[in-house]
N, C-alpha and C. Protein backbone atom coordinates (compact mmCIF):
# COMPACT_ATOMS: atom_id res chain seq x y z
N UNK A 1 170.06 195.84 -76.30
CA UNK A 1 170.70 194.71 -76.93
C UNK A 1 172.19 194.82 -76.62
N UNK A 2 172.78 193.70 -76.31
CA UNK A 2 174.20 193.68 -75.96
C UNK A 2 175.04 193.34 -77.18
N UNK A 3 176.28 193.69 -77.11
CA UNK A 3 177.21 193.38 -78.20
C UNK A 3 178.40 192.64 -77.62
N UNK A 4 179.00 191.81 -78.44
CA UNK A 4 180.16 191.06 -78.00
C UNK A 4 181.35 191.52 -78.85
N UNK A 5 182.39 191.89 -78.19
CA UNK A 5 183.60 192.32 -78.89
C UNK A 5 184.58 191.15 -78.95
N UNK A 6 184.98 190.84 -80.11
CA UNK A 6 185.95 189.77 -80.29
C UNK A 6 185.31 188.40 -80.11
N UNK A 7 186.08 187.39 -80.04
CA UNK A 7 185.59 186.05 -79.87
C UNK A 7 186.58 185.07 -80.44
N UNK A 8 186.26 183.80 -80.36
CA UNK A 8 187.19 182.77 -80.81
C UNK A 8 187.32 182.74 -82.31
N UNK A 9 186.24 182.92 -83.06
CA UNK A 9 186.29 182.82 -84.51
C UNK A 9 186.38 184.18 -85.19
N UNK A 10 186.08 185.20 -84.48
CA UNK A 10 186.08 186.53 -85.11
C UNK A 10 187.43 187.20 -84.89
N UNK A 11 187.68 188.19 -85.70
CA UNK A 11 188.93 188.94 -85.52
C UNK A 11 188.80 189.86 -84.32
N UNK A 12 189.84 190.52 -84.01
CA UNK A 12 189.88 191.35 -82.84
C UNK A 12 188.99 192.57 -82.93
N UNK A 13 188.73 193.05 -84.11
CA UNK A 13 187.95 194.27 -84.29
C UNK A 13 186.52 194.00 -84.80
N UNK A 14 186.06 192.79 -84.73
CA UNK A 14 184.73 192.45 -85.22
C UNK A 14 183.72 192.55 -84.06
N UNK A 15 182.61 193.19 -84.36
CA UNK A 15 181.52 193.29 -83.38
C UNK A 15 180.39 192.39 -83.85
N UNK A 16 179.95 191.46 -82.97
CA UNK A 16 178.84 190.56 -83.33
C UNK A 16 177.73 190.71 -82.28
N UNK A 17 176.60 190.17 -82.60
CA UNK A 17 175.43 190.29 -81.74
C UNK A 17 175.46 189.23 -80.65
N UNK A 18 175.04 189.60 -79.44
CA UNK A 18 174.98 188.67 -78.31
C UNK A 18 173.52 188.25 -78.15
N UNK A 19 173.21 186.95 -78.28
CA UNK A 19 171.84 186.47 -78.21
C UNK A 19 171.48 185.90 -76.85
N UNK A 20 172.30 186.03 -75.85
CA UNK A 20 172.02 185.51 -74.52
C UNK A 20 171.16 186.51 -73.75
N UNK A 21 170.32 185.98 -72.87
CA UNK A 21 169.45 186.84 -72.06
C UNK A 21 170.21 187.33 -70.85
N UNK A 22 170.12 188.62 -70.61
CA UNK A 22 170.74 189.21 -69.43
C UNK A 22 169.67 189.33 -68.36
N UNK A 23 169.76 188.50 -67.32
CA UNK A 23 168.71 188.45 -66.30
C UNK A 23 169.00 189.37 -65.12
N UNK A 24 170.11 189.99 -65.08
CA UNK A 24 170.45 190.85 -63.94
C UNK A 24 169.46 192.00 -63.77
N UNK A 25 169.08 192.74 -64.84
CA UNK A 25 168.07 193.79 -64.63
C UNK A 25 166.71 193.24 -64.22
N UNK A 26 166.37 192.07 -64.72
CA UNK A 26 165.09 191.45 -64.35
C UNK A 26 165.08 191.11 -62.87
N UNK A 27 166.16 190.55 -62.36
CA UNK A 27 166.24 190.21 -60.94
C UNK A 27 166.19 191.48 -60.09
N UNK A 28 166.85 192.52 -60.52
CA UNK A 28 166.82 193.78 -59.78
C UNK A 28 165.41 194.35 -59.69
N UNK A 29 164.69 194.34 -60.78
CA UNK A 29 163.31 194.85 -60.80
C UNK A 29 162.41 193.99 -59.91
N UNK A 30 162.58 192.68 -59.97
CA UNK A 30 161.74 191.79 -59.16
C UNK A 30 162.03 191.98 -57.67
N UNK A 31 163.27 192.20 -57.31
CA UNK A 31 163.60 192.43 -55.90
C UNK A 31 162.98 193.74 -55.40
N UNK A 32 163.01 194.78 -56.22
CA UNK A 32 162.40 196.05 -55.83
C UNK A 32 160.89 195.88 -55.67
N UNK A 33 160.24 195.17 -56.60
CA UNK A 33 158.80 194.94 -56.48
C UNK A 33 158.47 194.11 -55.25
N UNK A 34 159.28 193.12 -54.95
CA UNK A 34 159.06 192.30 -53.76
C UNK A 34 159.13 193.14 -52.50
N UNK A 35 160.10 194.02 -52.41
CA UNK A 35 160.22 194.88 -51.23
C UNK A 35 159.04 195.84 -51.14
N UNK A 36 158.61 196.39 -52.27
CA UNK A 36 157.46 197.30 -52.26
C UNK A 36 156.21 196.58 -51.76
N UNK A 37 155.95 195.37 -52.26
CA UNK A 37 154.76 194.63 -51.82
C UNK A 37 154.88 194.19 -50.37
N UNK A 38 156.06 193.84 -49.92
CA UNK A 38 156.22 193.45 -48.52
C UNK A 38 155.94 194.62 -47.58
N UNK A 39 156.24 195.82 -48.00
CA UNK A 39 155.97 196.98 -47.17
C UNK A 39 154.51 197.41 -47.29
N UNK A 40 153.92 197.30 -48.48
CA UNK A 40 152.57 197.83 -48.72
C UNK A 40 151.48 196.91 -48.19
N UNK A 41 151.66 195.60 -48.19
CA UNK A 41 150.58 194.68 -47.79
C UNK A 41 150.17 194.85 -46.33
N UNK A 42 151.09 194.97 -45.37
CA UNK A 42 150.62 195.18 -43.99
C UNK A 42 149.85 196.48 -43.81
N UNK A 43 150.14 197.49 -44.62
CA UNK A 43 149.40 198.75 -44.51
C UNK A 43 147.99 198.63 -45.09
N UNK A 44 147.80 197.70 -46.03
CA UNK A 44 146.50 197.56 -46.70
C UNK A 44 145.52 196.73 -45.88
N UNK A 45 145.98 195.92 -44.96
CA UNK A 45 145.07 195.10 -44.16
C UNK A 45 144.46 195.93 -43.05
N UNK A 46 143.17 195.73 -42.85
CA UNK A 46 142.47 196.46 -41.81
C UNK A 46 141.80 195.45 -40.89
N UNK A 47 141.71 195.78 -39.66
CA UNK A 47 141.04 194.90 -38.71
C UNK A 47 139.84 195.62 -38.13
N UNK A 48 138.82 194.85 -37.87
CA UNK A 48 137.60 195.38 -37.29
C UNK A 48 137.40 194.69 -35.95
N UNK A 49 137.27 195.46 -34.91
CA UNK A 49 137.03 194.85 -33.60
C UNK A 49 135.53 194.72 -33.39
N UNK A 50 135.11 193.55 -32.98
CA UNK A 50 133.71 193.27 -32.73
C UNK A 50 133.52 193.00 -31.24
N UNK A 51 132.51 193.62 -30.70
CA UNK A 51 132.18 193.40 -29.29
C UNK A 51 130.88 192.61 -29.22
N UNK A 52 131.00 191.34 -28.87
CA UNK A 52 129.82 190.48 -28.75
C UNK A 52 129.32 190.50 -27.32
N UNK A 53 128.01 190.44 -27.14
CA UNK A 53 127.51 190.40 -25.77
C UNK A 53 127.85 189.05 -25.14
N UNK A 54 128.14 189.06 -23.88
CA UNK A 54 128.49 187.79 -23.22
C UNK A 54 127.25 186.90 -23.09
N UNK A 55 127.47 185.61 -23.19
CA UNK A 55 126.37 184.67 -23.02
C UNK A 55 126.27 184.28 -21.56
N UNK A 56 125.07 184.10 -21.09
CA UNK A 56 124.93 183.66 -19.69
C UNK A 56 125.52 182.25 -19.53
N UNK A 57 126.07 181.96 -18.37
CA UNK A 57 126.72 180.66 -18.19
C UNK A 57 125.76 179.47 -18.25
N UNK A 58 124.51 179.67 -17.90
CA UNK A 58 123.56 178.54 -17.91
C UNK A 58 122.67 178.55 -19.14
N UNK A 59 123.06 179.27 -20.17
CA UNK A 59 122.26 179.38 -21.38
C UNK A 59 122.44 178.12 -22.23
N UNK A 60 121.35 177.43 -22.48
CA UNK A 60 121.39 176.25 -23.34
C UNK A 60 120.39 176.45 -24.47
N UNK A 61 120.77 176.02 -25.65
CA UNK A 61 119.91 176.14 -26.81
C UNK A 61 119.17 174.82 -26.98
N UNK A 62 117.86 174.92 -27.01
CA UNK A 62 117.04 173.73 -27.21
C UNK A 62 116.80 173.58 -28.71
N UNK A 63 117.23 172.47 -29.30
CA UNK A 63 117.00 172.32 -30.74
C UNK A 63 115.52 172.18 -31.05
N UNK A 64 115.13 172.82 -32.11
CA UNK A 64 113.74 172.83 -32.52
C UNK A 64 113.42 171.57 -33.32
N UNK A 65 112.36 170.89 -32.93
CA UNK A 65 111.94 169.69 -33.64
C UNK A 65 111.06 170.12 -34.82
N UNK A 66 111.40 169.70 -36.03
CA UNK A 66 110.61 170.13 -37.19
C UNK A 66 109.27 169.43 -37.26
N UNK A 67 108.35 170.06 -37.96
CA UNK A 67 107.04 169.48 -38.22
C UNK A 67 107.03 168.96 -39.64
N UNK A 68 106.58 167.72 -39.81
CA UNK A 68 106.56 167.09 -41.12
C UNK A 68 105.17 167.16 -41.72
N UNK A 69 105.11 167.58 -42.98
CA UNK A 69 103.88 167.53 -43.76
C UNK A 69 104.12 166.52 -44.86
N UNK A 70 103.32 165.44 -44.85
CA UNK A 70 103.48 164.37 -45.83
C UNK A 70 102.34 164.40 -46.82
N UNK A 71 102.67 164.23 -48.09
CA UNK A 71 101.66 164.18 -49.15
C UNK A 71 101.76 162.82 -49.81
N UNK A 72 100.65 162.10 -49.83
CA UNK A 72 100.66 160.77 -50.42
C UNK A 72 100.02 160.80 -51.81
N UNK A 73 100.19 159.72 -52.53
CA UNK A 73 99.76 159.66 -53.92
C UNK A 73 98.26 159.85 -54.09
N UNK A 74 97.47 159.29 -53.23
CA UNK A 74 96.02 159.41 -53.36
C UNK A 74 95.46 160.77 -52.96
N UNK A 75 96.32 161.69 -52.54
CA UNK A 75 95.87 163.02 -52.13
C UNK A 75 95.78 163.17 -50.63
N UNK A 76 96.11 162.13 -49.88
CA UNK A 76 96.06 162.22 -48.41
C UNK A 76 97.21 163.08 -47.92
N UNK A 77 96.89 163.93 -46.94
CA UNK A 77 97.89 164.84 -46.37
C UNK A 77 97.97 164.57 -44.88
N UNK A 78 99.19 164.52 -44.35
CA UNK A 78 99.40 164.26 -42.94
C UNK A 78 100.28 165.34 -42.35
N UNK A 79 99.96 165.77 -41.12
CA UNK A 79 100.82 166.64 -40.34
C UNK A 79 101.39 165.75 -39.24
N UNK A 80 102.64 165.39 -39.39
CA UNK A 80 103.22 164.39 -38.50
C UNK A 80 102.58 163.06 -38.83
N UNK A 81 101.85 162.49 -37.86
CA UNK A 81 101.11 161.24 -38.08
C UNK A 81 99.60 161.48 -38.15
N UNK A 82 99.16 162.72 -37.95
CA UNK A 82 97.73 163.03 -37.93
C UNK A 82 97.24 163.38 -39.33
N UNK A 83 96.21 162.70 -39.81
CA UNK A 83 95.69 163.02 -41.14
C UNK A 83 94.93 164.35 -41.12
N UNK A 84 94.94 165.03 -42.25
CA UNK A 84 94.21 166.28 -42.42
C UNK A 84 93.76 166.37 -43.87
N UNK A 85 92.97 167.38 -44.17
CA UNK A 85 92.52 167.58 -45.55
C UNK A 85 93.21 168.82 -46.11
N UNK A 86 93.09 168.99 -47.40
CA UNK A 86 93.72 170.14 -48.05
C UNK A 86 93.10 171.45 -47.56
N UNK A 87 91.80 171.46 -47.32
CA UNK A 87 91.11 172.67 -46.86
C UNK A 87 91.49 173.02 -45.42
N UNK A 88 91.74 172.01 -44.60
CA UNK A 88 92.03 172.25 -43.18
C UNK A 88 93.52 172.27 -42.88
N UNK A 89 94.38 172.17 -43.88
CA UNK A 89 95.81 172.07 -43.65
C UNK A 89 96.37 173.29 -42.91
N UNK A 90 96.04 174.48 -43.37
CA UNK A 90 96.60 175.70 -42.77
C UNK A 90 96.08 175.88 -41.35
N UNK A 91 94.78 175.65 -41.15
CA UNK A 91 94.21 175.81 -39.81
C UNK A 91 94.81 174.79 -38.84
N UNK A 92 95.01 173.56 -39.29
CA UNK A 92 95.61 172.55 -38.43
C UNK A 92 97.06 172.86 -38.11
N UNK A 93 97.79 173.37 -39.11
CA UNK A 93 99.19 173.74 -38.86
C UNK A 93 99.30 174.91 -37.88
N UNK A 94 98.44 175.92 -38.05
CA UNK A 94 98.49 177.06 -37.14
C UNK A 94 98.09 176.67 -35.73
N UNK A 95 97.22 175.67 -35.58
CA UNK A 95 96.84 175.20 -34.25
C UNK A 95 97.98 174.41 -33.60
N UNK A 96 98.79 173.77 -34.43
CA UNK A 96 99.84 172.91 -33.90
C UNK A 96 101.17 173.63 -33.70
N UNK A 97 101.58 174.48 -34.66
CA UNK A 97 102.89 175.13 -34.61
C UNK A 97 102.74 176.62 -34.90
N UNK A 98 103.82 177.34 -34.63
CA UNK A 98 103.87 178.76 -34.93
C UNK A 98 104.33 178.93 -36.38
N UNK A 99 104.08 180.11 -36.96
CA UNK A 99 104.50 180.36 -38.34
C UNK A 99 106.01 180.46 -38.45
N UNK A 100 106.73 180.66 -37.32
CA UNK A 100 108.18 180.75 -37.35
C UNK A 100 108.85 179.39 -37.18
N UNK A 101 108.07 178.34 -36.94
CA UNK A 101 108.64 177.01 -36.78
C UNK A 101 109.02 176.43 -38.14
N UNK A 102 109.93 175.48 -38.10
CA UNK A 102 110.41 174.83 -39.32
C UNK A 102 109.43 173.73 -39.74
N UNK A 103 109.10 173.73 -41.04
CA UNK A 103 108.20 172.73 -41.60
C UNK A 103 108.92 172.02 -42.73
N UNK A 104 108.93 170.70 -42.68
CA UNK A 104 109.55 169.89 -43.72
C UNK A 104 108.46 169.17 -44.50
N UNK A 105 108.51 169.29 -45.81
CA UNK A 105 107.51 168.66 -46.68
C UNK A 105 108.14 167.45 -47.36
N UNK A 106 107.41 166.35 -47.31
CA UNK A 106 107.84 165.17 -48.06
C UNK A 106 106.64 164.64 -48.84
N UNK A 107 106.92 164.09 -49.99
CA UNK A 107 105.84 163.60 -50.85
C UNK A 107 106.27 162.30 -51.50
N UNK A 108 105.27 161.48 -51.84
CA UNK A 108 105.55 160.26 -52.59
C UNK A 108 106.08 160.63 -53.97
N UNK A 109 106.77 159.68 -54.59
CA UNK A 109 107.35 159.93 -55.91
C UNK A 109 106.27 160.09 -56.98
N UNK A 110 105.09 159.54 -56.75
CA UNK A 110 104.03 159.59 -57.75
C UNK A 110 103.06 160.75 -57.56
N UNK A 111 103.31 161.64 -56.61
CA UNK A 111 102.45 162.80 -56.39
C UNK A 111 102.66 163.79 -57.53
N UNK A 112 101.55 164.36 -58.02
CA UNK A 112 101.62 165.34 -59.10
C UNK A 112 102.39 166.57 -58.63
N UNK A 113 103.31 167.03 -59.47
CA UNK A 113 104.15 168.17 -59.12
C UNK A 113 103.32 169.43 -58.87
N UNK A 114 102.26 169.62 -59.64
CA UNK A 114 101.41 170.80 -59.46
C UNK A 114 100.73 170.80 -58.10
N UNK A 115 100.27 169.63 -57.64
CA UNK A 115 99.65 169.54 -56.31
C UNK A 115 100.68 169.85 -55.22
N UNK A 116 101.85 169.29 -55.39
CA UNK A 116 102.92 169.51 -54.41
C UNK A 116 103.26 171.00 -54.31
N UNK A 117 103.45 171.65 -55.45
CA UNK A 117 103.83 173.07 -55.45
C UNK A 117 102.69 173.96 -54.96
N UNK A 118 101.45 173.58 -55.22
CA UNK A 118 100.34 174.40 -54.73
C UNK A 118 100.26 174.35 -53.21
N UNK A 119 100.54 173.21 -52.61
CA UNK A 119 100.55 173.12 -51.14
C UNK A 119 101.72 173.93 -50.58
N UNK A 120 102.86 173.83 -51.21
CA UNK A 120 104.02 174.60 -50.74
C UNK A 120 103.78 176.10 -50.88
N UNK A 121 103.20 176.54 -51.98
CA UNK A 121 102.89 177.96 -52.17
C UNK A 121 101.84 178.43 -51.18
N UNK A 122 100.88 177.57 -50.86
CA UNK A 122 99.85 177.92 -49.88
C UNK A 122 100.47 178.11 -48.49
N UNK A 123 101.43 177.27 -48.15
CA UNK A 123 102.12 177.43 -46.86
C UNK A 123 102.88 178.75 -46.82
N UNK A 124 103.60 179.06 -47.88
CA UNK A 124 104.36 180.32 -47.92
C UNK A 124 103.43 181.53 -47.90
N UNK A 125 102.30 181.45 -48.57
CA UNK A 125 101.37 182.57 -48.62
C UNK A 125 100.72 182.83 -47.26
N UNK A 126 100.63 181.81 -46.42
CA UNK A 126 100.02 181.97 -45.10
C UNK A 126 101.04 182.24 -44.01
N UNK A 127 102.25 182.62 -44.38
CA UNK A 127 103.22 183.07 -43.39
C UNK A 127 104.23 182.05 -42.92
N UNK A 128 104.16 180.83 -43.38
CA UNK A 128 105.14 179.83 -42.98
C UNK A 128 106.38 180.04 -43.85
N UNK A 129 107.40 180.68 -43.27
CA UNK A 129 108.57 181.07 -44.06
C UNK A 129 109.67 180.02 -44.06
N UNK A 130 109.70 179.16 -43.08
CA UNK A 130 110.75 178.15 -43.00
C UNK A 130 110.22 176.81 -43.49
N UNK A 131 110.01 176.73 -44.78
CA UNK A 131 109.50 175.52 -45.41
C UNK A 131 110.63 174.89 -46.22
N UNK A 132 110.90 173.62 -45.97
CA UNK A 132 111.96 172.92 -46.67
C UNK A 132 111.44 171.62 -47.25
N UNK A 133 112.21 171.05 -48.16
CA UNK A 133 111.83 169.82 -48.81
C UNK A 133 112.68 168.68 -48.29
N UNK A 134 112.08 167.49 -48.26
CA UNK A 134 112.82 166.29 -47.91
C UNK A 134 112.85 165.40 -49.13
N UNK A 135 114.02 165.02 -49.52
CA UNK A 135 114.18 164.10 -50.64
C UNK A 135 114.90 162.87 -50.16
N UNK A 136 114.67 161.77 -50.83
CA UNK A 136 115.39 160.55 -50.45
C UNK A 136 116.01 159.95 -51.70
N UNK A 137 117.13 159.32 -51.48
CA UNK A 137 117.89 158.73 -52.56
C UNK A 137 117.22 157.42 -52.98
N UNK A 138 116.85 157.34 -54.25
CA UNK A 138 116.23 156.12 -54.76
C UNK A 138 117.33 155.29 -55.41
N UNK A 139 117.62 154.15 -54.83
CA UNK A 139 118.68 153.30 -55.36
C UNK A 139 118.14 151.98 -55.85
């Protein structure tokens, strides 16, 4: 705490309290911390060098066309445009695509949720790991 000696209203020998904030020590501390962080941050960063194998110049990626499984309200199931039955769904899919291919499932809005999930679980249980859902915005 600082003290003020003298003043306009006080006598020459009166000591009163100074209520002003002294920011000089605060600025000094902040400058020291700034310098410490400026020196320490470059030392804390680490870089990792990665060596990627070169790609062949004529290498082109062919995009994979997904297979659509459609479920309609009456229980009809389609693989693409070809109709199938619930019992033959897995066999027909394995004949048409590999288990690593992408399969997109779409269903009518009135299809029972339990039927939809049982077909999806059956696909996952038979090794089809890339199964996704298609939804559409109803406006």
